[in-house]
PDB file of N, CA and C in Angstrom:
ATOM      1  N   MET A   1      -7.311  -0.905 -15.928  1.00  0.00           N
ATOM      2  CA  MET A   1      -6.775   0.085 -15.025  1.00  0.00           C
ATOM      3  C   MET A   1      -5.407  -0.345 -14.488  1.00  0.00           C
ATOM      4  N   ARG A   2      -5.181  -1.625 -14.386  1.00  0.00           N
ATOM      5  CA  ARG A   2      -3.895  -2.115 -13.854  1.00  0.00           C
ATOM      6  C   ARG A   2      -2.707  -1.618 -14.672  1.00  0.00           C
ATOM      7  N   HIS A   3      -2.877  -1.492 -15.983  1.00  0.00           N
ATOM      8  CA  HIS A   3      -1.757  -1.050 -16.811  1.00  0.00           C
ATOM      9  C   HIS A   3      -1.396   0.413 -16.557  1.00  0.00           C
ATOM     10  N   GLU A   4      -2.269   1.166 -15.921  1.00  0.00           N
ATOM     11  CA  GLU A   4      -1.997   2.568 -15.582  1.00  0.00           C
ATOM     12  C   GLU A   4      -1.283   2.725 -14.238  1.00  0.00           C
ATOM     13  N   LEU A   5      -1.299   1.678 -13.425  1.00  0.00           N
ATOM     14  CA  LEU A   5      -0.678   1.752 -12.098  1.00  0.00           C
ATOM     15  C   LEU A   5       0.828   1.957 -12.195  1.00  0.00           C
ATOM     16  N   PRO A   6       1.382   2.758 -11.289  1.00  0.00           N
ATOM     17  CA  PRO A   6       2.845   2.840 -11.231  1.00  0.00           C
ATOM     18  C   PRO A   6       3.409   1.489 -10.776  1.00  0.00           C
ATOM     19  N   ARG A   7       4.638   1.224 -11.107  1.00  0.00           N
ATOM     20  CA  ARG A   7       5.275  -0.033 -10.709  1.00  0.00           C
ATOM     21  C   ARG A   7       5.449  -0.041  -9.199  1.00  0.00           C
ATOM     22  N   LEU A   8       5.055  -1.142  -8.564  1.00  0.00           N
ATOM     23  CA  LEU A   8       5.161  -1.296  -7.113  1.00  0.00           C
ATOM     24  C   LEU A   8       6.066  -2.478  -6.797  1.00  0.00           C
ATOM     25  N   VAL A   9       7.182  -2.202  -6.144  1.00  0.00           N
ATOM     26  CA  VAL A   9       8.078  -3.253  -5.684  1.00  0.00           C
ATOM     27  C   VAL A   9       7.951  -3.292  -4.170  1.00  0.00           C
ATOM     28  N   ILE A  10       7.282  -4.337  -3.680  1.00  0.00           N
ATOM     29  CA  ILE A  10       7.041  -4.477  -2.240  1.00  0.00           C
ATOM     30  C   ILE A  10       8.122  -5.391  -1.682  1.00  0.00           C
ATOM     31  N   SER A  11       8.957  -4.832  -0.799  1.00  0.00           N
ATOM     32  CA  SER A  11      10.070  -5.626  -0.279  1.00  0.00           C
ATOM     33  C   SER A  11       9.900  -6.036   1.178  1.00  0.00           C
ATOM     34  N   GLY A  12       8.829  -5.602   1.817  1.00  0.00           N
ATOM     35  CA  GLY A  12       8.590  -6.024   3.188  1.00  0.00           C
ATOM     36  C   GLY A  12       7.397  -5.317   3.782  1.00  0.00           C
ATOM     37  N   SER A  13       6.846  -5.916   4.837  1.00  0.00           N
ATOM     38  CA  SER A  13       5.739  -5.277   5.535  1.00  0.00           C
ATOM     39  C   SER A  13       5.698  -5.779   6.970  1.00  0.00           C
ATOM     40  N   VAL A  14       5.131  -4.955   7.840  1.00  0.00           N
ATOM     41  CA  VAL A  14       4.934  -5.327   9.242  1.00  0.00           C
ATOM     42  C   VAL A  14       3.491  -5.025   9.582  1.00  0.00           C
ATOM     43  N   TYR A  15       2.792  -6.050  10.077  1.00  0.00           N
ATOM     44  CA  TYR A  15       1.415  -5.875  10.509  1.00  0.00           C
ATOM     45  C   TYR A  15       1.384  -5.920  12.027  1.00  0.00           C
ATOM     46  N   SER A  16       0.533  -5.090  12.608  1.00  0.00           N
ATOM     47  CA  SER A  16       0.323  -5.075  14.046  1.00  0.00           C
ATOM     48  C   SER A  16      -1.142  -4.797  14.307  1.00  0.00           C
ATOM     49  N   ASP A  17      -1.645  -5.238  15.466  1.00  0.00           N
ATOM     50  CA  ASP A  17      -3.012  -4.884  15.853  1.00  0.00           C
ATOM     51  C   ASP A  17      -3.144  -3.381  16.045  1.00  0.00           C
ATOM     52  N   ASP A  18      -2.043  -2.715  16.335  1.00  0.00           N
ATOM     53  CA  ASP A  18      -2.010  -1.261  16.495  1.00  0.00           C
ATOM     54  C   ASP A  18      -1.715  -0.630  15.130  1.00  0.00           C
ATOM     55  N   PRO A  19      -2.692   0.043  14.506  1.00  0.00           N
ATOM     56  CA  PRO A  19      -2.477   0.626  13.171  1.00  0.00           C
ATOM     57  C   PRO A  19      -1.266   1.562  13.093  1.00  0.00           C
ATOM     58  N   ALA A  20      -0.923   2.232  14.164  1.00  0.00           N
ATOM     59  CA  ALA A  20       0.223   3.154  14.148  1.00  0.00           C
ATOM     60  C   ALA A  20       1.554   2.416  13.998  1.00  0.00           C
ATOM     61  N   SER A  21       1.565   1.125  14.268  1.00  0.00           N
ATOM     62  CA  SER A  21       2.798   0.333  14.184  1.00  0.00           C
ATOM     63  C   SER A  21       2.950  -0.404  12.849  1.00  0.00           C
ATOM     64  N   ARG A  22       1.968  -0.310  11.987  1.00  0.00           N
ATOM     65  CA  ARG A  22       2.018  -0.992  10.688  1.00  0.00           C
ATOM     66  C   ARG A  22       2.832  -0.175   9.685  1.00  0.00           C
ATOM     67  N   PHE A  23       3.586  -0.889   8.842  1.00  0.00           N
ATOM     68  CA  PHE A  23       4.255  -0.211   7.732  1.00  0.00           C
ATOM     69  C   PHE A  23       4.571  -1.212   6.641  1.00  0.00           C
ATOM     70  N   VAL A  24       4.845  -0.673   5.473  1.00  0.00           N
ATOM     71  CA  VAL A  24       5.217  -1.489   4.319  1.00  0.00           C
ATOM     72  C   VAL A  24       6.344  -0.762   3.594  1.00  0.00           C
ATOM     73  N   ILE A  25       7.227  -1.527   2.983  1.00  0.00           N
ATOM     74  CA  ILE A  25       8.316  -0.942   2.198  1.00  0.00           C
ATOM     75  C   ILE A  25       7.962  -1.135   0.721  1.00  0.00           C
ATOM     76  N   VAL A  26       7.719  -0.019   0.048  1.00  0.00           N
ATOM     77  CA  VAL A  26       7.346  -0.024  -1.365  1.00  0.00           C
ATOM     78  C   VAL A  26       8.325   0.869  -2.116  1.00  0.00           C
ATOM     79  N   ASN A  27       8.938   0.306  -3.151  1.00  0.00           N
ATOM     80  CA  ASN A  27       9.909   1.053  -3.961  1.00  0.00           C
ATOM     81  C   ASN A  27      10.982   1.697  -3.087  1.00  0.00           C
ATOM     82  N   GLY A  28      11.382   0.974  -2.029  1.00  0.00           N
ATOM     83  CA  GLY A  28      12.461   1.449  -1.158  1.00  0.00           C
ATOM     84  C   GLY A  28      12.049   2.471  -0.112  1.00  0.00           C
ATOM     85  N   GLN A  29      10.765   2.794  -0.029  1.00  0.00           N
ATOM     86  CA  GLN A  29      10.282   3.779   0.942  1.00  0.00           C
ATOM     87  C   GLN A  29       9.426   3.093   1.999  1.00  0.00           C
ATOM     88  N   VAL A  30       9.602   3.508   3.252  1.00  0.00           N
ATOM     89  CA  VAL A  30       8.766   3.018   4.340  1.00  0.00           C
ATOM     90  C   VAL A  30       7.490   3.850   4.354  1.00  0.00           C
ATOM     91  N   LEU A  31       6.349   3.178   4.214  1.00  0.00           N
ATOM     92  CA  LEU A  31       5.056   3.861   4.123  1.00  0.00           C
ATOM     93  C   LEU A  31       4.101   3.346   5.184  1.00  0.00           C
ATOM     94  N   ARG A  32       3.249   4.234   5.646  1.00  0.00           N
ATOM     95  CA  ARG A  32       2.220   3.878   6.624  1.00  0.00           C
ATOM     96  C   ARG A  32       0.848   4.081   5.983  1.00  0.00           C
ATOM     97  N   GLU A  33      -0.186   3.586   6.636  1.00  0.00           N
ATOM     98  CA  GLU A  33      -1.534   3.730   6.118  1.00  0.00           C
ATOM     99  C   GLU A  33      -1.859   5.208   5.886  1.00  0.00           C
ATOM    100  N   GLY A  34      -2.472   5.496   4.750  1.00  0.00           N
ATOM    101  CA  GLY A  34      -2.824   6.857   4.385  1.00  0.00           C
ATOM    102  C   GLY A  34      -1.804   7.523   3.479  1.00  0.00           C
ATOM    103  N   ALA A  35      -0.668   6.861   3.263  1.00  0.00           N
ATOM    104  CA  ALA A  35       0.399   7.450   2.431  1.00  0.00           C
ATOM    105  C   ALA A  35      -0.001   7.478   0.966  1.00  0.00           C
ATOM    106  N   ARG A  36       0.473   8.503   0.271  1.00  0.00           N
ATOM    107  CA  ARG A  36       0.299   8.608  -1.181  1.00  0.00           C
ATOM    108  C   ARG A  36       1.533   8.052  -1.863  1.00  0.00           C
ATOM    109  N   LEU A  37       1.307   7.100  -2.760  1.00  0.00           N
ATOM    110  CA  LEU A  37       2.409   6.535  -3.526  1.00  0.00           C
ATOM    111  C   LEU A  37       2.606   7.309  -4.822  1.00  0.00           C
ATOM    112  N   SER A  38       1.535   7.957  -5.281  1.00  0.00           N
ATOM    113  CA  SER A  38       1.571   8.848  -6.440  1.00  0.00           C
ATOM    114  C   SER A  38       0.354   9.755  -6.310  1.00  0.00           C
ATOM    115  N   ALA A  39       0.161  10.630  -7.270  1.00  0.00           N
ATOM    116  CA  ALA A  39      -0.968  11.568  -7.201  1.00  0.00           C
ATOM    117  C   ALA A  39      -2.310  10.840  -7.127  1.00  0.00           C
ATOM    118  N   ASP A  40      -2.414   9.679  -7.767  1.00  0.00           N
ATOM    119  CA  ASP A  40      -3.687   8.952  -7.847  1.00  0.00           C
ATOM    120  C   ASP A  40      -3.721   7.658  -7.037  1.00  0.00           C
ATOM    121  N   LEU A  41      -2.650   7.341  -6.311  1.00  0.00           N
ATOM    122  CA  LEU A  41      -2.551   6.058  -5.617  1.00  0.00           C
ATOM    123  C   LEU A  41      -2.322   6.264  -4.123  1.00  0.00           C
ATOM    124  N   VAL A  42      -3.233   5.703  -3.303  1.00  0.00           N
ATOM    125  CA  VAL A  42      -3.172   5.864  -1.849  1.00  0.00           C
ATOM    126  C   VAL A  42      -3.159   4.486  -1.193  1.00  0.00           C
ATOM    127  N   LEU A  43      -2.304   4.335  -0.197  1.00  0.00           N
ATOM    128  CA  LEU A  43      -2.268   3.132   0.625  1.00  0.00           C
ATOM    129  C   LEU A  43      -3.300   3.303   1.733  1.00  0.00           C
ATOM    130  N   GLU A  44      -4.413   2.605   1.624  1.00  0.00           N
ATOM    131  CA  GLU A  44      -5.494   2.766   2.599  1.00  0.00           C
ATOM    132  C   GLU A  44      -5.311   1.906   3.837  1.00  0.00           C
ATOM    133  N   GLN A  45      -4.883   0.658   3.637  1.00  0.00           N
ATOM    134  CA  GLN A  45      -4.796  -0.255   4.781  1.00  0.00           C
ATOM    135  C   GLN A  45      -3.704  -1.287   4.559  1.00  0.00           C
ATOM    136  N   ILE A  46      -3.036  -1.656   5.653  1.00  0.00           N
ATOM    137  CA  ILE A  46      -2.036  -2.715   5.636  1.00  0.00           C
ATOM    138  C   ILE A  46      -2.614  -3.879   6.432  1.00  0.00           C
ATOM    139  N   GLY A  47      -2.806  -4.997   5.752  1.00  0.00           N
ATOM    140  CA  GLY A  47      -3.322  -6.198   6.406  1.00  0.00           C
ATOM    141  C   GLY A  47      -2.206  -7.193   6.653  1.00  0.00           C
ATOM    142  N   GLN A  48      -2.548  -8.337   7.208  1.00  0.00           N
ATOM    143  CA  GLN A  48      -1.540  -9.361   7.495  1.00  0.00           C
ATOM    144  C   GLN A  48      -0.910  -9.921   6.235  1.00  0.00           C
ATOM    145  N   ARG A  49      -1.701 -10.057   5.190  1.00  0.00           N
ATOM    146  CA  ARG A  49      -1.184 -10.661   3.954  1.00  0.00           C
ATOM    147  C   ARG A  49      -1.484  -9.846   2.703  1.00  0.00           C
ATOM    148  N   GLU A  50      -2.045  -8.644   2.896  1.00  0.00           N
ATOM    149  CA  GLU A  50      -2.404  -7.843   1.725  1.00  0.00           C
ATOM    150  C   GLU A  50      -2.455  -6.365   2.066  1.00  0.00           C
ATOM    151  N   LEU A  51      -2.371  -5.563   1.020  1.00  0.00           N
ATOM    152  CA  LEU A  51      -2.553  -4.122   1.129  1.00  0.00           C
ATOM    153  C   LEU A  51      -3.871  -3.769   0.468  1.00  0.00           C
ATOM    154  N   VAL A  52      -4.535  -2.750   0.986  1.00  0.00           N
ATOM    155  CA  VAL A  52      -5.710  -2.195   0.318  1.00  0.00           C
ATOM    156  C   VAL A  52      -5.276  -0.843  -0.217  1.00  0.00           C
ATOM    157  N   LEU A  53      -5.353  -0.704  -1.531  1.00  0.00           N
ATOM    158  CA  LEU A  53      -4.929   0.513  -2.219  1.00  0.00           C
ATOM    159  C   LEU A  53      -6.115   1.131  -2.938  1.00  0.00           C
ATOM    160  N   ARG A  54      -6.054   2.442  -3.158  1.00  0.00           N
ATOM    161  CA  ARG A  54      -7.082   3.137  -3.934  1.00  0.00           C
ATOM    162  C   ARG A  54      -6.384   3.866  -5.067  1.00  0.00           C
ATOM    163  N   PHE A  55      -6.797   3.555  -6.294  1.00  0.00           N
ATOM    164  CA  PHE A  55      -6.225   4.183  -7.485  1.00  0.00           C
ATOM    165  C   PHE A  55      -7.342   4.788  -8.311  1.00  0.00           C
ATOM    166  N   LYS A  56      -7.307   6.089  -8.453  1.00  0.00           N
ATOM    167  CA  LYS A  56      -8.328   6.819  -9.214  1.00  0.00           C
ATOM    168  C   LYS A  56      -9.740   6.458  -8.751  1.00  0.00           C
ATOM    169  N   GLY A  57      -9.917   6.372  -7.434  1.00  0.00           N
ATOM    170  CA  GLY A  57     -11.227   6.105  -6.869  1.00  0.00           C
ATOM    171  C   GLY A  57     -11.608   4.637  -6.772  1.00  0.00           C
ATOM    172  N   GLN A  58     -10.810   3.742  -7.341  1.00  0.00           N
ATOM    173  CA  GLN A  58     -11.100   2.304  -7.297  1.00  0.00           C
ATOM    174  C   GLN A  58     -10.227   1.633  -6.237  1.00  0.00           C
ATOM    175  N   ARG A  59     -10.851   0.859  -5.357  1.00  0.00           N
ATOM    176  CA  ARG A  59     -10.089   0.119  -4.354  1.00  0.00           C
ATOM    177  C   ARG A  59      -9.718  -1.247  -4.891  1.00  0.00           C
ATOM    178  N   PHE A  60      -8.523  -1.704  -4.522  1.00  0.00           N
ATOM    179  CA  PHE A  60      -8.114  -3.044  -4.878  1.00  0.00           C
ATOM    180  C   PHE A  60      -7.148  -3.582  -3.832  1.00  0.00           C
ATOM    181  N   ARG A  61      -7.014  -4.883  -3.813  1.00  0.00           N
ATOM    182  CA  ARG A  61      -6.127  -5.553  -2.856  1.00  0.00           C
ATOM    183  C   ARG A  61      -4.885  -6.049  -3.575  1.00  0.00           C
ATOM    184  N   GLN A  62      -3.760  -5.915  -2.888  1.00  0.00           N
ATOM    185  CA  GLN A  62      -2.476  -6.356  -3.422  1.00  0.00           C
ATOM    186  C   GLN A  62      -1.831  -7.293  -2.399  1.00  0.00           C
ATOM    187  N   PRO A  63      -1.599  -8.546  -2.757  1.00  0.00           N
ATOM    188  CA  PRO A  63      -0.947  -9.460  -1.813  1.00  0.00           C
ATOM    189  C   PRO A  63       0.465  -8.977  -1.470  1.00  0.00           C
ATOM    190  N   VAL A  64       0.888  -9.273  -0.230  1.00  0.00           N
ATOM    191  CA  VAL A  64       2.274  -8.953   0.171  1.00  0.00           C
ATOM    192  C   VAL A  64       3.002 -10.217   0.558  1.00  0.00           C
TER     193      VAL A  64
END
């Protein structure tokens, strides 16, 4: 499934105890939890050292 994922260039992230203050910069865009990166890829959660993404119904973690 990894070979089907769109290319993700993560250039920065900010974690906060307040979910509304969290964001990540992916492919030059500032994204918050719940954002769609493509039709099949959703940013579910931003952690201190990783992102939780869902692609075609499968969850996976991506280090930042």
